[in-house]
C-alpha atoms as a PDB file:
ATOM      1  CA  UNK A   1     156.275  38.318 -95.934  1.00  0.00           C
ATOM      2  CA  UNK A   2     159.903  37.470 -96.267  1.00  0.00           C
ATOM      3  CA  UNK A   3     160.778  41.255 -96.799  1.00  0.00           C
ATOM      4  CA  UNK A   4     158.537  42.181 -93.820  1.00  0.00           C
ATOM      5  CA  UNK A   5     160.447  39.898 -91.662  1.00  0.00           C
ATOM      6  CA  UNK A   6     163.840  41.389 -92.745  1.00  0.00           C
ATOM      7  CA  UNK A   7     162.736  45.100 -92.219  1.00  0.00           C
ATOM      8  CA  UNK A   8     161.452  43.844 -88.759  1.00  0.00           C
ATOM      9  CA  UNK A   9     164.948  42.593 -87.993  1.00  0.00           C
ATOM     10  CA  UNK A  10     166.162  46.031 -88.932  1.00  0.00           C
ATOM     11  CA  UNK A  11     163.654  47.661 -86.750  1.00  0.00           C
ATOM     12  CA  UNK A  12     164.528  45.198 -83.668  1.00  0.00           C
ATOM     13  CA  UNK A  13     168.035  46.527 -83.725  1.00  0.00           C
ATOM     14  CA  UNK A  14     166.664  49.798 -81.863  1.00  0.00           C
ATOM     15  CA  UNK A  15     165.108  48.074 -78.983  1.00  0.00           C
ATOM     16  CA  UNK A  16     167.908  45.691 -78.777  1.00  0.00           C
ATOM     17  CA  UNK A  17     170.212  48.403 -78.330  1.00  0.00           C
ATOM     18  CA  UNK A  18     167.868  50.265 -75.811  1.00  0.00           C
ATOM     19  CA  UNK A  19     167.498  47.017 -73.700  1.00  0.00           C
ATOM     20  CA  UNK A  20     171.262  46.368 -73.898  1.00  0.00           C
ATOM     21  CA  UNK A  21     172.098  50.053 -72.671  1.00  0.00           C
ATOM     22  CA  UNK A  22     169.324  50.211 -69.953  1.00  0.00           C
ATOM     23  CA  UNK A  23     170.882  50.284 -66.461  1.00  0.00           C
ATOM     24  CA  UNK A  24     169.111  47.349 -65.000  1.00  0.00           C
ATOM     25  CA  UNK A  25     170.108  43.914 -64.143  1.00  0.00           C
ATOM     26  CA  UNK A  26     167.940  42.393 -66.725  1.00  0.00           C
ATOM     27  CA  UNK A  27     168.942  44.618 -69.473  1.00  0.00           C
ATOM     28  CA  UNK A  28     171.433  42.274 -70.960  1.00  0.00           C
ATOM     29  CA  UNK A  29     168.991  39.139 -70.849  1.00  0.00           C
ATOM     30  CA  UNK A  30     166.121  41.323 -72.467  1.00  0.00           C
ATOM     31  CA  UNK A  31     168.610  42.572 -75.326  1.00  0.00           C
ATOM     32  CA  UNK A  32     169.546  38.817 -75.670  1.00  0.00           C
ATOM     33  CA  UNK A  33     165.786  37.747 -76.165  1.00  0.00           C
ATOM     34  CA  UNK A  34     165.255  40.574 -78.767  1.00  0.00           C
ATOM     35  CA  UNK A  35     168.587  39.486 -80.331  1.00  0.00           C
ATOM     36  CA  UNK A  36     167.494  35.875 -80.501  1.00  0.00           C
ATOM     37  CA  UNK A  37     164.091  36.971 -82.155  1.00  0.00           C
ATOM     38  CA  UNK A  38     165.848  38.878 -84.598  1.00  0.00           C
ATOM     39  CA  UNK A  39     168.413  36.312 -85.421  1.00  0.00           C
ATOM     40  CA  UNK A  40     165.341  33.873 -85.956  1.00  0.00           C
ATOM     41  CA  UNK A  41     163.896  36.333 -88.487  1.00  0.00           C
ATOM     42  CA  UNK A  42     167.228  35.878 -90.425  1.00  0.00           C
ATOM     43  CA  UNK A  43     166.824  31.924 -90.648  1.00  0.00           C
ATOM     44  CA  UNK A  44     162.983  32.229 -91.483  1.00  0.00           C
ATOM     45  CA  UNK A  45     163.041  35.205 -94.127  1.00  0.00           C
ATOM     46  CA  UNK A  46     165.280  33.312 -96.687  1.00  0.00           C
ATOM     47  CA  UNK A  47     163.371  29.901 -96.230  1.00  0.00           C
ATOM     48  CA  UNK A  48     159.968  31.798 -96.741  1.00  0.00           C
ATOM     49  CA  UNK A  49     161.240  33.723 -99.580  1.00  0.00           C
ATOM     50  CA  UNK A  50     162.284  30.699-101.337  1.00  0.00           C
ATOM     51  CA  UNK A  51     159.223  28.503-100.579  1.00  0.00           C
ATOM     52  CA  UNK A  52     156.994  31.261-101.743  1.00  0.00           C
ATOM     53  CA  UNK A  53     158.909  32.329-104.755  1.00  0.00           C
ATOM     54  CA  UNK A  54     159.182  35.855-103.191  1.00  0.00           C
ATOM     55  CA  UNK A  55     162.873  36.496-103.814  1.00  0.00           C
ATOM     56  CA  UNK A  56     163.520  39.989-104.944  1.00  0.00           C
ATOM     57  CA  UNK A  57     166.309  42.643-105.591  1.00  0.00           C
ATOM     58  CA  UNK A  58     164.979  44.553-102.236  1.00  0.00           C
ATOM     59  CA  UNK A  59     165.239  41.360-100.138  1.00  0.00           C
ATOM     60  CA  UNK A  60     168.641  40.400-101.449  1.00  0.00           C
ATOM     61  CA  UNK A  61     169.738  43.963-100.527  1.00  0.00           C
ATOM     62  CA  UNK A  62     167.958  44.315 -97.131  1.00  0.00           C
ATOM     63  CA  UNK A  63     168.913  40.754 -95.859  1.00  0.00           C
ATOM     64  CA  UNK A  64     172.784  41.305 -95.407  1.00  0.00           C
ATOM     65  CA  UNK A  65     172.061  44.794 -94.379  1.00  0.00           C
ATOM     66  CA  UNK A  66     169.874  43.673 -91.574  1.00  0.00           C
ATOM     67  CA  UNK A  67     172.510  41.079 -90.385  1.00  0.00           C
ATOM     68  CA  UNK A  68     175.289  43.665 -90.496  1.00  0.00           C
ATOM     69  CA  UNK A  69     173.488  46.043 -88.654  1.00  0.00           C
ATOM     70  CA  UNK A  70     172.492  43.711 -85.980  1.00  0.00           C
ATOM     71  CA  UNK A  71     175.788  42.069 -85.571  1.00  0.00           C
ATOM     72  CA  UNK A  72     177.758  45.328 -85.805  1.00  0.00           C
ATOM     73  CA  UNK A  73     175.567  46.937 -82.986  1.00  0.00           C
ATOM     74  CA  UNK A  74     175.934  43.889 -80.846  1.00  0.00           C
ATOM     75  CA  UNK A  75     179.746  43.579 -81.205  1.00  0.00           C
ATOM     76  CA  UNK A  76     180.255  47.343 -80.602  1.00  0.00           C
ATOM     77  CA  UNK A  77     177.937  47.152 -77.532  1.00  0.00           C
ATOM     78  CA  UNK A  78     179.702  44.000 -75.984  1.00  0.00           C
ATOM     79  CA  UNK A  79     183.146  45.913 -76.259  1.00  0.00           C
ATOM     80  CA  UNK A  80     181.681  48.883 -74.738  1.00  0.00           C
ATOM     81  CA  UNK A  81     180.640  46.914 -71.722  1.00  0.00           C
ATOM     82  CA  UNK A  82     183.754  45.002 -71.420  1.00  0.00           C
ATOM     83  CA  UNK A  83     182.270  41.457 -72.113  1.00  0.00           C
ATOM     84  CA  UNK A  84     184.371  41.303 -75.210  1.00  0.00           C
ATOM     85  CA  UNK A  85     187.866  43.000 -74.235  1.00  0.00           C
ATOM     86  CA  UNK A  86     191.627  42.856 -75.067  1.00  0.00           C
ATOM     87  CA  UNK A  87     192.397  41.052 -78.051  1.00  0.00           C
ATOM     88  CA  UNK A  88     188.755  40.490 -78.694  1.00  0.00           C
ATOM     89  CA  UNK A  89     188.761  43.952 -80.128  1.00  0.00           C
ATOM     90  CA  UNK A  90     190.762  42.561 -83.162  1.00  0.00           C
ATOM     91  CA  UNK A  91     188.067  39.869 -83.835  1.00  0.00           C
ATOM     92  CA  UNK A  92     185.436  42.523 -83.860  1.00  0.00           C
ATOM     93  CA  UNK A  93     187.286  44.825 -85.940  1.00  0.00           C
ATOM     94  CA  UNK A  94     187.976  42.150 -88.364  1.00  0.00           C
ATOM     95  CA  UNK A  95     184.172  41.283 -88.700  1.00  0.00           C
ATOM     96  CA  UNK A  96     183.141  44.819 -88.915  1.00  0.00           C
ATOM     97  CA  UNK A  97     185.742  45.855 -91.243  1.00  0.00           C
ATOM     98  CA  UNK A  98     185.103  42.919 -93.512  1.00  0.00           C
ATOM     99  CA  UNK A  99     181.485  43.487 -93.733  1.00  0.00           C
ATOM    100  CA  UNK A 100     182.003  47.098 -94.758  1.00  0.00           C
ATOM    101  CA  UNK A 101     184.585  45.772 -97.465  1.00  0.00           C
ATOM    102  CA  UNK A 102     182.207  43.211 -98.850  1.00  0.00           C
ATOM    103  CA  UNK A 103     179.386  45.664 -98.912  1.00  0.00           C
ATOM    104  CA  UNK A 104     181.485  47.976-100.998  1.00  0.00           C
ATOM    105  CA  UNK A 105     182.765  45.342-103.292  1.00  0.00           C
ATOM    106  CA  UNK A 106     179.414  44.130-103.818  1.00  0.00           C
ATOM    107  CA  UNK A 107     178.024  47.720-104.717  1.00  0.00           C
ATOM    108  CA  UNK A 108     180.961  48.050-107.037  1.00  0.00           C
ATOM    109  CA  UNK A 109     180.488  44.907-108.897  1.00  0.00           C
ATOM    110  CA  UNK A 110     176.691  45.669-109.013  1.00  0.00           C
ATOM    111  CA  UNK A 111     177.206  49.041-110.570  1.00  0.00           C
ATOM    112  CA  UNK A 112     179.684  47.389-113.203  1.00  0.00           C
ATOM    113  CA  UNK A 113     176.867  44.954-114.343  1.00  0.00           C
ATOM    114  CA  UNK A 114     177.806  41.887-112.349  1.00  0.00           C
ATOM    115  CA  UNK A 115     176.835  39.852-109.338  1.00  0.00           C
ATOM    116  CA  UNK A 116     178.733  38.659-106.194  1.00  0.00           C
ATOM    117  CA  UNK A 117     176.382  35.982-104.964  1.00  0.00           C
ATOM    118  CA  UNK A 118     176.325  34.874-101.177  1.00  0.00           C
ATOM    119  CA  UNK A 119     178.236  31.657-100.706  1.00  0.00           C
ATOM    120  CA  UNK A 120     177.156  28.716 -98.442  1.00  0.00           C
ATOM    121  CA  UNK A 121     180.198  29.685 -96.150  1.00  0.00           C
ATOM    122  CA  UNK A 122     179.084  33.148 -95.974  1.00  0.00           C
ATOM    123  CA  UNK A 123     175.810  31.895 -94.469  1.00  0.00           C
ATOM    124  CA  UNK A 124     177.759  29.881 -92.080  1.00  0.00           C
ATOM    125  CA  UNK A 125     179.679  33.118 -91.107  1.00  0.00           C
ATOM    126  CA  UNK A 126     176.534  34.868 -90.566  1.00  0.00           C
ATOM    127  CA  UNK A 127     175.316  32.070 -88.143  1.00  0.00           C
ATOM    128  CA  UNK A 128     178.571  32.035 -86.352  1.00  0.00           C
ATOM    129  CA  UNK A 129     178.506  35.818 -86.004  1.00  0.00           C
ATOM    130  CA  UNK A 130     175.067  35.658 -84.509  1.00  0.00           C
ATOM    131  CA  UNK A 131     175.885  32.734 -82.201  1.00  0.00           C
ATOM    132  CA  UNK A 132     179.048  34.309 -80.820  1.00  0.00           C
ATOM    133  CA  UNK A 133     177.015  37.593 -80.169  1.00  0.00           C
ATOM    134  CA  UNK A 134     174.410  35.683 -78.317  1.00  0.00           C
ATOM    135  CA  UNK A 135     176.867  33.564 -76.241  1.00  0.00           C
ATOM    136  CA  UNK A 136     178.747  36.806 -75.488  1.00  0.00           C
ATOM    137  CA  UNK A 137     175.545  38.311 -74.092  1.00  0.00           C
ATOM    138  CA  UNK A 138     174.879  35.168 -72.175  1.00  0.00           C
ATOM    139  CA  UNK A 139     178.206  35.306 -70.811  1.00  0.00           C
ATOM    140  CA  UNK A 140     177.800  38.904 -69.391  1.00  0.00           C
ATOM    141  CA  UNK A 141     178.039  39.224 -65.751  1.00  0.00           C
ATOM    142  CA  UNK A 142     174.321  40.009 -65.688  1.00  0.00           C
ATOM    143  CA  UNK A 143     173.534  37.791 -68.744  1.00  0.00           C
ATOM    144  CA  UNK A 144     171.424  34.722 -67.984  1.00  0.00           C
ATOM    145  CA  UNK A 145     174.407  32.086 -67.839  1.00  0.00           C
ATOM    146  CA  UNK A 146     177.112  34.508 -66.722  1.00  0.00           C
ATOM    147  CA  UNK A 147     180.907  33.969 -66.888  1.00  0.00           C
ATOM    148  CA  UNK A 148     180.771  30.132 -67.158  1.00  0.00           C
ATOM    149  CA  UNK A 149     179.802  30.785 -70.902  1.00  0.00           C
ATOM    150  CA  UNK A 150     182.697  32.943 -71.354  1.00  0.00           C
ATOM    151  CA  UNK A 151     185.105  30.362 -72.848  1.00  0.00           C
ATOM    152  CA  UNK A 152     182.473  29.070 -75.400  1.00  0.00           C
ATOM    153  CA  UNK A 153     181.542  32.667 -76.077  1.00  0.00           C
ATOM    154  CA  UNK A 154     185.072  33.878 -76.880  1.00  0.00           C
ATOM    155  CA  UNK A 155     185.954  30.703 -79.076  1.00  0.00           C
ATOM    156  CA  UNK A 156     182.923  31.169 -81.116  1.00  0.00           C
ATOM    157  CA  UNK A 157     183.735  34.951 -81.580  1.00  0.00           C
ATOM    158  CA  UNK A 158     187.293  33.905 -82.739  1.00  0.00           C
ATOM    159  CA  UNK A 159     186.023  31.202 -85.026  1.00  0.00           C
ATOM    160  CA  UNK A 160     183.301  33.643 -86.488  1.00  0.00           C
ATOM    161  CA  UNK A 161     186.182  36.258 -87.029  1.00  0.00           C
ATOM    162  CA  UNK A 162     188.275  33.654 -88.725  1.00  0.00           C
ATOM    163  CA  UNK A 163     185.383  32.485 -91.020  1.00  0.00           C
ATOM    164  CA  UNK A 164     184.501  36.007 -91.534  1.00  0.00           C
ATOM    165  CA  UNK A 165     188.207  36.977 -92.800  1.00  0.00           C
ATOM    166  CA  UNK A 166     188.320  34.046 -94.906  1.00  0.00           C
ATOM    167  CA  UNK A 167     185.000  34.736 -96.601  1.00  0.00           C
ATOM    168  CA  UNK A 168     185.983  38.322 -97.050  1.00  0.00           C
ATOM    169  CA  UNK A 169     189.139  37.277 -98.947  1.00  0.00           C
ATOM    170  CA  UNK A 170     187.071  35.019-101.105  1.00  0.00           C
ATOM    171  CA  UNK A 171     184.601  37.845-101.974  1.00  0.00           C
ATOM    172  CA  UNK A 172     187.596  40.123-102.593  1.00  0.00           C
ATOM    173  CA  UNK A 173     189.199  37.779-105.137  1.00  0.00           C
ATOM    174  CA  UNK A 174     185.804  37.272-106.662  1.00  0.00           C
ATOM    175  CA  UNK A 175     184.913  40.923-106.773  1.00  0.00           C
ATOM    176  CA  UNK A 176     188.238  41.846-108.360  1.00  0.00           C
ATOM    177  CA  UNK A 177     187.986  39.393-111.052  1.00  0.00           C
ATOM    178  CA  UNK A 178     184.356  40.594-111.837  1.00  0.00           C
ATOM    179  CA  UNK A 179     185.698  44.371-112.021  1.00  0.00           C
ATOM    180  CA  UNK A 180     188.622  43.297-114.167  1.00  0.00           C
ATOM    181  CA  UNK A 181     185.958  41.486-116.652  1.00  0.00           C
ATOM    182  CA  UNK A 182     183.840  44.795-116.450  1.00  0.00           C
ATOM    183  CA  UNK A 183     186.933  46.937-117.340  1.00  0.00           C
ATOM    184  CA  UNK A 184     187.952  44.809-120.068  1.00  0.00           C
ATOM    185  CA  UNK A 185     184.553  45.290-121.718  1.00  0.00           C
ATOM    186  CA  UNK A 186     184.412  48.933-121.260  1.00  0.00           C
ATOM    187  CA  UNK A 187     185.412  51.000-124.622  1.00  0.00           C
ATOM    188  CA  UNK A 188     188.337  53.269-124.125  1.00  0.00           C
END
C-alpha cells in the first residue's frame, strides 16, 4: 500500500506538469490541486509503511525520488512562468543541485556497504519545499490566491533553500566519513 502511494506520487507528476503547462486560466489551480494530492501521499506513505511494517528497500529508494521529481518539476515550471524570478533562481538551483548531490552521495555510500539515513531535519526540508512550491503556485497571477500570497511564498522558498543547503552539508559530511571508513576497510 505504501509503495503504491509512492508510485502514485511519481505518476501524478505527469498530470501536474500537463495542467501547469495548459494554457488556461485554471491551469495553475488544477496543477496545484494535483500537487497537493501528490504531497499528501508523501505524508501518508511513510505513516502507512511504519504502521503496517511494510518498510522496504524499494520504498526507501522510491520515496525520496518521488519527492525530488515532484519538487524539481514544480520549481522549474515556476521559474519558467515567472512566479519565481530574479534571485529566486539561486534558491531553486540550490534546492535542485543539493538533491542531485545527496542522491549521488547516498548511492556511493550504499555501494560502499554503508547507509546514509534520512534525518528528521531532512523531513522538515521536504515539507518546506512542498509548502514553498504550493504557495508559489497559489501566488501565481492565475493561482487561487494571486500576488497577495507572494511574500509568504517567497519567504518559504528561501527558508526551504536554507534548510536544504544545511541538510545537504550535513549529508556531505556524513557521506565523506562513511566513504573514508569504507576506503579504510578495503584491502590495497
